[in-house]
């Protein structure tokens, strides 16, 4: 498969869940469980763990009937490199259902330089994924990790060091500069530790020199053994991405919004 393609890594991750025969998915930094529900559609019988430490997001997730019906296991934890307790810096946001999704996902174990964003500081439990997966009896279960933890991806991966041997792919939010915490690890650190563990970059969702972006890592042995299937879905994702870019250039966003508003008023055709 082509390396470092720019495409929808979210779409490609979902499509590869079946190709790589994943049995356990950890949605780390779940926020609202929406990604976990997408994973459930692809994997009706898999174990899906959604970790969310922000108590305001957590309350909404625990009251969400879709997550309950989807048998998504919700855990009030922050994945890290140790089993302990840490301070979570909760960002100001509209924490009502369906509102302000961007800011609701910005809380972090790092203290942001812009203190005007801070709503409160709360203590949260941290856990190594190695210990969590062992406790869940998921050791040796083919696993995929979805990591969106606002600057702590490196620590999450360190805490999953033992689990990487049965992890088949990781989707990781990374940064090239310390835009979240002054002492945070960066993309180069994440790439190095995963390369040492036998993973390669398959794709990113933005140019690799962007300040913040998502990276899809896959085991190098699987890239060889299942290259044809992986290449197929990577190509589909790349075409979808190109089509979306073309549409966005040809159709101004304001026209799309106007069309959607009209559809809401008129109703379905």
C-alpha atoms as a PDB file:
ATOM      1  CA  UNK A   1       0.000   0.000   0.000  1.00  0.00           C
ATOM      2  CA  UNK A   2       1.145   3.584  -0.575  1.00  0.00           C
ATOM      3  CA  UNK A   3       2.741   5.161   2.481  1.00  0.00           C
ATOM      4  CA  UNK A   4       1.785   8.534   3.867  1.00  0.00           C
ATOM      5  CA  UNK A   5      -1.203   9.047   1.590  1.00  0.00           C
ATOM      6  CA  UNK A   6      -3.410  11.982   2.629  1.00  0.00           C
ATOM      7  CA  UNK A   7      -6.979  10.745   2.909  1.00  0.00           C
ATOM      8  CA  UNK A   8      -9.807  10.153   5.372  1.00  0.00           C
ATOM      9  CA  UNK A   9      -8.034   8.081   7.998  1.00  0.00           C
ATOM     10  CA  UNK A  10     -11.326   7.769   9.885  1.00  0.00           C
ATOM     11  CA  UNK A  11     -12.945   6.072   6.902  1.00  0.00           C
ATOM     12  CA  UNK A  12      -9.938   3.838   6.236  1.00  0.00           C
ATOM     13  CA  UNK A  13      -9.677   2.780   9.883  1.00  0.00           C
ATOM     14  CA  UNK A  14     -13.317   1.700   9.885  1.00  0.00           C
ATOM     15  CA  UNK A  15     -12.947  -0.236   6.644  1.00  0.00           C
ATOM     16  CA  UNK A  16      -9.854  -2.064   7.861  1.00  0.00           C
ATOM     17  CA  UNK A  17     -11.534  -3.287  11.040  1.00  0.00           C
ATOM     18  CA  UNK A  18     -12.947  -6.293   9.184  1.00  0.00           C
ATOM     19  CA  UNK A  19      -9.983  -6.743   6.867  1.00  0.00           C
ATOM     20  CA  UNK A  20      -7.662  -7.065   9.857  1.00  0.00           C
ATOM     21  CA  UNK A  21     -10.165  -9.232  11.765  1.00  0.00           C
ATOM     22  CA  UNK A  22     -10.263  -6.965  14.799  1.00  0.00           C
ATOM     23  CA  UNK A  23     -11.968  -8.368  17.902  1.00  0.00           C
ATOM     24  CA  UNK A  24     -11.334  -5.521  20.373  1.00  0.00           C
ATOM     25  CA  UNK A  25     -11.388  -1.764  19.778  1.00  0.00           C
ATOM     26  CA  UNK A  26     -10.291   0.787  22.373  1.00  0.00           C
ATOM     27  CA  UNK A  27     -11.779   4.237  21.736  1.00  0.00           C
ATOM     28  CA  UNK A  28      -9.393   6.269  23.888  1.00  0.00           C
ATOM     29  CA  UNK A  29     -10.636   9.799  24.528  1.00  0.00           C
ATOM     30  CA  UNK A  30     -14.091   8.916  23.240  1.00  0.00           C
ATOM     31  CA  UNK A  31     -15.796  12.256  24.035  1.00  0.00           C
ATOM     32  CA  UNK A  32     -19.305  11.204  22.982  1.00  0.00           C
ATOM     33  CA  UNK A  33     -19.033   7.623  21.745  1.00  0.00           C
ATOM     34  CA  UNK A  34     -19.925   8.529  18.153  1.00  0.00           C
ATOM     35  CA  UNK A  35     -16.829   6.833  16.750  1.00  0.00           C
ATOM     36  CA  UNK A  36     -17.433   3.789  18.939  1.00  0.00           C
ATOM     37  CA  UNK A  37     -20.895   3.449  17.373  1.00  0.00           C
ATOM     38  CA  UNK A  38     -19.359   3.556  13.885  1.00  0.00           C
ATOM     39  CA  UNK A  39     -16.973   0.796  14.915  1.00  0.00           C
ATOM     40  CA  UNK A  40     -19.923  -1.234  16.198  1.00  0.00           C
ATOM     41  CA  UNK A  41     -21.590  -1.053  12.767  1.00  0.00           C
ATOM     42  CA  UNK A  42     -18.497  -2.621  11.242  1.00  0.00           C
ATOM     43  CA  UNK A  43     -17.980  -5.166  14.027  1.00  0.00           C
ATOM     44  CA  UNK A  44     -21.297  -6.412  15.473  1.00  0.00           C
ATOM     45  CA  UNK A  45     -19.635  -8.943  17.792  1.00  0.00           C
ATOM     46  CA  UNK A  46     -16.426  -7.174  18.845  1.00  0.00           C
ATOM     47  CA  UNK A  47     -15.655  -5.860  22.330  1.00  0.00           C
ATOM     48  CA  UNK A  48     -15.621  -2.050  22.146  1.00  0.00           C
ATOM     49  CA  UNK A  49     -14.234  -0.081  25.087  1.00  0.00           C
ATOM     50  CA  UNK A  50     -14.821   3.684  25.211  1.00  0.00           C
ATOM     51  CA  UNK A  51     -12.575   5.554  27.638  1.00  0.00           C
ATOM     52  CA  UNK A  52     -13.652   9.092  28.604  1.00  0.00           C
ATOM     53  CA  UNK A  53     -12.278  10.945  31.626  1.00  0.00           C
ATOM     54  CA  UNK A  54     -14.106  14.279  31.269  1.00  0.00           C
ATOM     55  CA  UNK A  55     -17.030  13.937  33.738  1.00  0.00           C
ATOM     56  CA  UNK A  56     -19.257  16.241  31.682  1.00  0.00           C
ATOM     57  CA  UNK A  57     -18.846  14.164  28.529  1.00  0.00           C
ATOM     58  CA  UNK A  58     -19.056  10.977  30.556  1.00  0.00           C
ATOM     59  CA  UNK A  59     -22.473  11.872  31.991  1.00  0.00           C
ATOM     60  CA  UNK A  60     -23.882  12.328  28.488  1.00  0.00           C
ATOM     61  CA  UNK A  61     -22.378   9.050  27.311  1.00  0.00           C
ATOM     62  CA  UNK A  62     -23.803   7.117  30.257  1.00  0.00           C
ATOM     63  CA  UNK A  63     -27.273   8.489  29.445  1.00  0.00           C
ATOM     64  CA  UNK A  64     -26.983   7.681  25.736  1.00  0.00           C
ATOM     65  CA  UNK A  65     -29.392   4.910  24.729  1.00  0.00           C
ATOM     66  CA  UNK A  66     -27.553   4.304  21.449  1.00  0.00           C
ATOM     67  CA  UNK A  67     -24.354   3.450  23.324  1.00  0.00           C
ATOM     68  CA  UNK A  68     -26.265   1.163  25.650  1.00  0.00           C
ATOM     69  CA  UNK A  69     -28.003  -0.622  22.783  1.00  0.00           C
ATOM     70  CA  UNK A  70     -24.671  -0.900  20.975  1.00  0.00           C
ATOM     71  CA  UNK A  71     -23.124  -2.631  23.997  1.00  0.00           C
ATOM     72  CA  UNK A  72     -20.358  -0.030  24.159  1.00  0.00           C
ATOM     73  CA  UNK A  73     -18.492  -0.459  27.443  1.00  0.00           C
ATOM     74  CA  UNK A  74     -18.003   3.052  28.868  1.00  0.00           C
ATOM     75  CA  UNK A  75     -15.055   3.514  31.238  1.00  0.00           C
ATOM     76  CA  UNK A  76     -14.419   6.702  33.299  1.00  0.00           C
ATOM     77  CA  UNK A  77     -10.673   6.550  32.716  1.00  0.00           C
ATOM     78  CA  UNK A  78      -7.803   8.402  31.066  1.00  0.00           C
ATOM     79  CA  UNK A  79      -5.317   6.067  29.391  1.00  0.00           C
ATOM     80  CA  UNK A  80      -1.712   6.890  30.217  1.00  0.00           C
ATOM     81  CA  UNK A  81       1.626   5.278  31.063  1.00  0.00           C
ATOM     82  CA  UNK A  82       0.713   4.492  34.674  1.00  0.00           C
ATOM     83  CA  UNK A  83      -2.173   3.400  36.882  1.00  0.00           C
ATOM     84  CA  UNK A  84      -2.621   6.435  39.063  1.00  0.00           C
ATOM     85  CA  UNK A  85      -4.557   9.673  39.424  1.00  0.00           C
ATOM     86  CA  UNK A  86      -3.983  12.886  37.485  1.00  0.00           C
ATOM     87  CA  UNK A  87      -5.461  16.338  37.009  1.00  0.00           C
ATOM     88  CA  UNK A  88      -7.712  16.778  33.980  1.00  0.00           C
ATOM     89  CA  UNK A  89      -7.939  20.347  32.717  1.00  0.00           C
ATOM     90  CA  UNK A  90     -11.547  20.659  31.575  1.00  0.00           C
ATOM     91  CA  UNK A  91     -12.134  23.163  28.773  1.00  0.00           C
ATOM     92  CA  UNK A  92     -15.081  25.547  28.739  1.00  0.00           C
ATOM     93  CA  UNK A  93     -17.724  24.334  26.290  1.00  0.00           C
ATOM     94  CA  UNK A  94     -21.431  23.861  25.766  1.00  0.00           C
ATOM     95  CA  UNK A  95     -21.774  20.355  27.178  1.00  0.00           C
ATOM     96  CA  UNK A  96     -25.320  19.780  26.029  1.00  0.00           C
ATOM     97  CA  UNK A  97     -25.996  16.824  23.765  1.00  0.00           C
ATOM     98  CA  UNK A  98     -24.945  17.483  20.181  1.00  0.00           C
ATOM     99  CA  UNK A  99     -23.417  20.882  20.931  1.00  0.00           C
ATOM    100  CA  UNK A 100     -19.895  22.304  20.649  1.00  0.00           C
ATOM    101  CA  UNK A 101     -18.171  19.047  19.643  1.00  0.00           C
ATOM    102  CA  UNK A 102     -14.865  20.781  18.915  1.00  0.00           C
ATOM    103  CA  UNK A 103     -14.383  22.275  22.382  1.00  0.00           C
ATOM    104  CA  UNK A 104     -15.909  19.295  24.166  1.00  0.00           C
ATOM    105  CA  UNK A 105     -12.969  17.247  22.884  1.00  0.00           C
ATOM    106  CA  UNK A 106     -10.242  19.677  23.979  1.00  0.00           C
ATOM    107  CA  UNK A 107      -9.849  18.769  27.668  1.00  0.00           C
ATOM    108  CA  UNK A 108      -6.433  17.326  28.456  1.00  0.00           C
ATOM    109  CA  UNK A 109      -4.048  16.059  31.105  1.00  0.00           C
ATOM    110  CA  UNK A 110      -1.871  18.941  29.893  1.00  0.00           C
ATOM    111  CA  UNK A 111      -2.559  22.456  31.105  1.00  0.00           C
ATOM    112  CA  UNK A 112      -3.073  24.688  28.079  1.00  0.00           C
ATOM    113  CA  UNK A 113      -1.222  27.992  27.877  1.00  0.00           C
ATOM    114  CA  UNK A 114      -4.506  29.869  27.288  1.00  0.00           C
ATOM    115  CA  UNK A 115      -6.054  29.745  30.751  1.00  0.00           C
ATOM    116  CA  UNK A 116      -9.175  31.523  29.510  1.00  0.00           C
ATOM    117  CA  UNK A 117     -10.213  28.124  28.086  1.00  0.00           C
ATOM    118  CA  UNK A 118     -10.197  26.469  31.503  1.00  0.00           C
ATOM    119  CA  UNK A 119     -13.509  25.619  33.163  1.00  0.00           C
ATOM    120  CA  UNK A 120     -12.211  23.492  36.051  1.00  0.00           C
ATOM    121  CA  UNK A 121      -9.572  21.015  37.117  1.00  0.00           C
ATOM    122  CA  UNK A 122     -10.805  17.591  38.217  1.00  0.00           C
ATOM    123  CA  UNK A 123      -8.979  14.494  39.460  1.00  0.00           C
ATOM    124  CA  UNK A 124      -9.291  11.470  37.165  1.00  0.00           C
ATOM    125  CA  UNK A 125      -8.071   7.891  37.225  1.00  0.00           C
ATOM    126  CA  UNK A 126      -5.367   6.972  34.754  1.00  0.00           C
ATOM    127  CA  UNK A 127      -4.773   3.447  33.520  1.00  0.00           C
ATOM    128  CA  UNK A 128      -2.285   1.550  31.410  1.00  0.00           C
ATOM    129  CA  UNK A 129      -4.056  -0.109  28.494  1.00  0.00           C
ATOM    130  CA  UNK A 130      -1.901  -3.183  29.151  1.00  0.00           C
ATOM    131  CA  UNK A 131      -3.542  -3.624  32.545  1.00  0.00           C
ATOM    132  CA  UNK A 132      -7.005  -2.691  31.323  1.00  0.00           C
ATOM    133  CA  UNK A 133      -6.950  -5.223  28.489  1.00  0.00           C
ATOM    134  CA  UNK A 134      -5.612  -7.900  30.829  1.00  0.00           C
ATOM    135  CA  UNK A 135      -8.425  -7.182  33.295  1.00  0.00           C
ATOM    136  CA  UNK A 136     -10.946  -7.377  30.442  1.00  0.00           C
ATOM    137  CA  UNK A 137      -9.475 -10.750  29.384  1.00  0.00           C
ATOM    138  CA  UNK A 138      -8.572  -9.277  26.001  1.00  0.00           C
ATOM    139  CA  UNK A 139      -4.908 -10.297  25.973  1.00  0.00           C
ATOM    140  CA  UNK A 140      -3.965 -11.713  22.547  1.00  0.00           C
ATOM    141  CA  UNK A 141      -7.286 -10.541  21.063  1.00  0.00           C
ATOM    142  CA  UNK A 142      -6.606  -8.810  17.715  1.00  0.00           C
ATOM    143  CA  UNK A 143      -6.909  -5.172  18.748  1.00  0.00           C
ATOM    144  CA  UNK A 144      -7.214  -1.718  17.215  1.00  0.00           C
ATOM    145  CA  UNK A 145      -6.540   1.491  19.145  1.00  0.00           C
ATOM    146  CA  UNK A 146      -8.260   4.792  18.381  1.00  0.00           C
ATOM    147  CA  UNK A 147      -6.332   7.465  20.326  1.00  0.00           C
ATOM    148  CA  UNK A 148      -7.534  11.076  20.570  1.00  0.00           C
ATOM    149  CA  UNK A 149      -6.183  12.377  23.856  1.00  0.00           C
ATOM    150  CA  UNK A 150      -5.104  15.977  23.261  1.00  0.00           C
ATOM    151  CA  UNK A 151      -1.354  15.756  23.550  1.00  0.00           C
ATOM    152  CA  UNK A 152      -0.841  12.499  25.476  1.00  0.00           C
ATOM    153  CA  UNK A 153      -0.753   9.921  22.665  1.00  0.00           C
ATOM    154  CA  UNK A 154       2.862   9.011  23.462  1.00  0.00           C
ATOM    155  CA  UNK A 155       2.009   8.189  27.078  1.00  0.00           C
ATOM    156  CA  UNK A 156      -1.031   6.161  26.006  1.00  0.00           C
ATOM    157  CA  UNK A 157       1.146   4.083  23.677  1.00  0.00           C
ATOM    158  CA  UNK A 158       3.809   3.604  26.357  1.00  0.00           C
ATOM    159  CA  UNK A 159       1.073   2.252  28.610  1.00  0.00           C
ATOM    160  CA  UNK A 160       0.108  -0.196  25.863  1.00  0.00           C
ATOM    161  CA  UNK A 161       3.659  -1.405  25.178  1.00  0.00           C
ATOM    162  CA  UNK A 162       2.854  -5.022  26.016  1.00  0.00           C
ATOM    163  CA  UNK A 163      -0.397  -4.939  24.056  1.00  0.00           C
ATOM    164  CA  UNK A 164       1.239  -3.756  20.848  1.00  0.00           C
ATOM    165  CA  UNK A 165       2.207  -7.340  20.006  1.00  0.00           C
ATOM    166  CA  UNK A 166      -1.466  -8.168  19.370  1.00  0.00           C
ATOM    167  CA  UNK A 167      -2.494  -4.678  18.211  1.00  0.00           C
ATOM    168  CA  UNK A 168      -2.944  -4.570  14.447  1.00  0.00           C
ATOM    169  CA  UNK A 169      -3.505  -0.874  13.818  1.00  0.00           C
ATOM    170  CA  UNK A 170      -3.642   2.461  15.617  1.00  0.00           C
ATOM    171  CA  UNK A 171      -5.344   5.729  14.680  1.00  0.00           C
ATOM    172  CA  UNK A 172      -3.532   8.496  16.565  1.00  0.00           C
ATOM    173  CA  UNK A 173      -3.999  12.251  16.861  1.00  0.00           C
ATOM    174  CA  UNK A 174      -0.536  13.857  16.938  1.00  0.00           C
ATOM    175  CA  UNK A 175       1.085  17.286  16.947  1.00  0.00           C
ATOM    176  CA  UNK A 176       4.274  18.631  15.364  1.00  0.00           C
ATOM    177  CA  UNK A 177       4.619  21.439  17.894  1.00  0.00           C
ATOM    178  CA  UNK A 178       3.695  21.600  21.604  1.00  0.00           C
ATOM    179  CA  UNK A 179       0.400  23.411  21.013  1.00  0.00           C
ATOM    180  CA  UNK A 180      -1.399  21.691  23.901  1.00  0.00           C
ATOM    181  CA  UNK A 181       1.200  21.277  26.650  1.00  0.00           C
ATOM    182  CA  UNK A 182       4.715  22.694  26.894  1.00  0.00           C
ATOM    183  CA  UNK A 183       6.235  19.291  27.696  1.00  0.00           C
ATOM    184  CA  UNK A 184       4.107  17.122  25.420  1.00  0.00           C
ATOM    185  CA  UNK A 185       5.629  14.533  23.093  1.00  0.00           C
ATOM    186  CA  UNK A 186       5.306  15.100  19.345  1.00  0.00           C
ATOM    187  CA  UNK A 187       4.647  13.141  16.151  1.00  0.00           C
ATOM    188  CA  UNK A 188       8.308  12.166  15.769  1.00  0.00           C
ATOM    189  CA  UNK A 189       8.237  10.592  19.242  1.00  0.00           C
ATOM    190  CA  UNK A 190       5.057   8.646  18.474  1.00  0.00           C
ATOM    191  CA  UNK A 191       6.348   7.491  15.092  1.00  0.00           C
ATOM    192  CA  UNK A 192       9.656   6.340  16.593  1.00  0.00           C
ATOM    193  CA  UNK A 193       8.141   4.252  19.389  1.00  0.00           C
ATOM    194  CA  UNK A 194       5.665   2.618  16.990  1.00  0.00           C
ATOM    195  CA  UNK A 195       8.334   1.943  14.358  1.00  0.00           C
ATOM    196  CA  UNK A 196      10.367   0.187  17.049  1.00  0.00           C
ATOM    197  CA  UNK A 197       7.273  -1.920  17.815  1.00  0.00           C
ATOM    198  CA  UNK A 198       6.851  -2.934  14.166  1.00  0.00           C
ATOM    199  CA  UNK A 199       4.339  -0.398  12.823  1.00  0.00           C
ATOM    200  CA  UNK A 200       4.474   1.830   9.742  1.00  0.00           C
ATOM    201  CA  UNK A 201       2.513   4.906   8.704  1.00  0.00           C
ATOM    202  CA  UNK A 202      -0.163   3.996   6.182  1.00  0.00           C
ATOM    203  CA  UNK A 203      -1.856   7.394   5.839  1.00  0.00           C
ATOM    204  CA  UNK A 204      -2.493  10.803   7.389  1.00  0.00           C
ATOM    205  CA  UNK A 205      -5.593  12.975   7.144  1.00  0.00           C
ATOM    206  CA  UNK A 206      -3.581  16.145   6.532  1.00  0.00           C
ATOM    207  CA  UNK A 207      -0.106  17.009   5.316  1.00  0.00           C
ATOM    208  CA  UNK A 208       2.442  15.548   7.782  1.00  0.00           C
ATOM    209  CA  UNK A 209       3.852  19.026   8.423  1.00  0.00           C
ATOM    210  CA  UNK A 210       0.506  20.280   9.821  1.00  0.00           C
ATOM    211  CA  UNK A 211       0.390  21.415  13.439  1.00  0.00           C
ATOM    212  CA  UNK A 212      -2.119  18.708  14.396  1.00  0.00           C
ATOM    213  CA  UNK A 213      -3.371  15.759  12.362  1.00  0.00           C
ATOM    214  CA  UNK A 214      -4.342  12.095  12.522  1.00  0.00           C
ATOM    215  CA  UNK A 215      -2.100   9.199  11.545  1.00  0.00           C
ATOM    216  CA  UNK A 216      -3.054   5.611  10.755  1.00  0.00           C
ATOM    217  CA  UNK A 217      -0.392   3.064  11.694  1.00  0.00           C
ATOM    218  CA  UNK A 218      -0.556  -0.597  10.627  1.00  0.00           C
ATOM    219  CA  UNK A 219       1.722  -3.506  11.485  1.00  0.00           C
ATOM    220  CA  UNK A 220       4.394  -3.891   8.822  1.00  0.00           C
ATOM    221  CA  UNK A 221       3.940  -7.675   8.669  1.00  0.00           C
ATOM    222  CA  UNK A 222       0.236  -7.145   7.867  1.00  0.00           C
ATOM    223  CA  UNK A 223       1.099  -4.597   5.193  1.00  0.00           C
ATOM    224  CA  UNK A 224       3.000  -7.404   3.504  1.00  0.00           C
ATOM    225  CA  UNK A 225       0.626 -10.284   4.220  1.00  0.00           C
ATOM    226  CA  UNK A 226      -2.623  -8.422   3.413  1.00  0.00           C
ATOM    227  CA  UNK A 227      -1.257  -5.703   1.197  1.00  0.00           C
ATOM    228  CA  UNK A 228      -3.750  -6.216  -1.614  1.00  0.00           C
ATOM    229  CA  UNK A 229      -6.811  -5.766   0.628  1.00  0.00           C
ATOM    230  CA  UNK A 230      -5.267  -2.856   2.507  1.00  0.00           C
ATOM    231  CA  UNK A 231      -4.239  -1.229  -0.779  1.00  0.00           C
ATOM    232  CA  UNK A 232      -7.798  -1.571  -2.103  1.00  0.00           C
ATOM    233  CA  UNK A 233      -9.375   0.258   0.848  1.00  0.00           C
ATOM    234  CA  UNK A 234      -6.586   2.857   0.901  1.00  0.00           C
ATOM    235  CA  UNK A 235      -7.304   3.561  -2.767  1.00  0.00           C
ATOM    236  CA  UNK A 236     -11.043   3.886  -2.096  1.00  0.00           C
ATOM    237  CA  UNK A 237     -10.334   6.271   0.782  1.00  0.00           C
ATOM    238  CA  UNK A 238      -7.964   8.324  -1.354  1.00  0.00           C
ATOM    239  CA  UNK A 239     -10.539   8.625  -4.180  1.00  0.00           C
ATOM    240  CA  UNK A 240     -13.260   9.627  -1.705  1.00  0.00           C
ATOM    241  CA  UNK A 241     -10.943  12.261  -0.277  1.00  0.00           C
ATOM    242  CA  UNK A 242     -10.139  13.627  -3.753  1.00  0.00           C
ATOM    243  CA  UNK A 243     -13.829  13.764  -4.690  1.00  0.00           C
ATOM    244  CA  UNK A 244     -14.681  15.594  -1.458  1.00  0.00           C
ATOM    245  CA  UNK A 245     -11.933  18.144  -2.151  1.00  0.00           C
ATOM    246  CA  UNK A 246     -13.226  18.685  -5.679  1.00  0.00           C
ATOM    247  CA  UNK A 247     -16.807  19.155  -4.495  1.00  0.00           C
ATOM    248  CA  UNK A 248     -15.694  21.649  -1.846  1.00  0.00           C
ATOM    249  CA  UNK A 249     -13.929  23.684  -4.528  1.00  0.00           C
ATOM    250  CA  UNK A 250     -16.851  23.613  -6.959  1.00  0.00           C
ATOM    251  CA  UNK A 251     -19.672  24.099  -4.460  1.00  0.00           C
ATOM    252  CA  UNK A 252     -19.203  26.876  -1.869  1.00  0.00           C
ATOM    253  CA  UNK A 253     -19.970  25.775   1.682  1.00  0.00           C
ATOM    254  CA  UNK A 254     -22.612  28.477   2.081  1.00  0.00           C
ATOM    255  CA  UNK A 255     -24.636  26.879  -0.743  1.00  0.00           C
ATOM    256  CA  UNK A 256     -24.452  23.465   0.897  1.00  0.00           C
ATOM    257  CA  UNK A 257     -25.656  24.969   4.189  1.00  0.00           C
ATOM    258  CA  UNK A 258     -28.475  26.814   2.407  1.00  0.00           C
ATOM    259  CA  UNK A 259     -29.566  23.584   0.711  1.00  0.00           C
ATOM    260  CA  UNK A 260     -29.581  21.686   4.025  1.00  0.00           C
ATOM    261  CA  UNK A 261     -31.595  24.430   5.737  1.00  0.00           C
ATOM    262  CA  UNK A 262     -34.155  24.361   2.914  1.00  0.00           C
ATOM    263  CA  UNK A 263     -34.418  20.573   3.180  1.00  0.00           C
ATOM    264  CA  UNK A 264     -35.134  20.908   6.904  1.00  0.00           C
ATOM    265  CA  UNK A 265     -37.980  23.347   6.221  1.00  0.00           C
ATOM    266  CA  UNK A 266     -39.430  21.599   3.173  1.00  0.00           C
ATOM    267  CA  UNK A 267     -38.914  18.062   4.370  1.00  0.00           C
ATOM    268  CA  UNK A 268     -37.684  15.050   2.422  1.00  0.00           C
ATOM    269  CA  UNK A 269     -38.559  14.844  -1.254  1.00  0.00           C
END
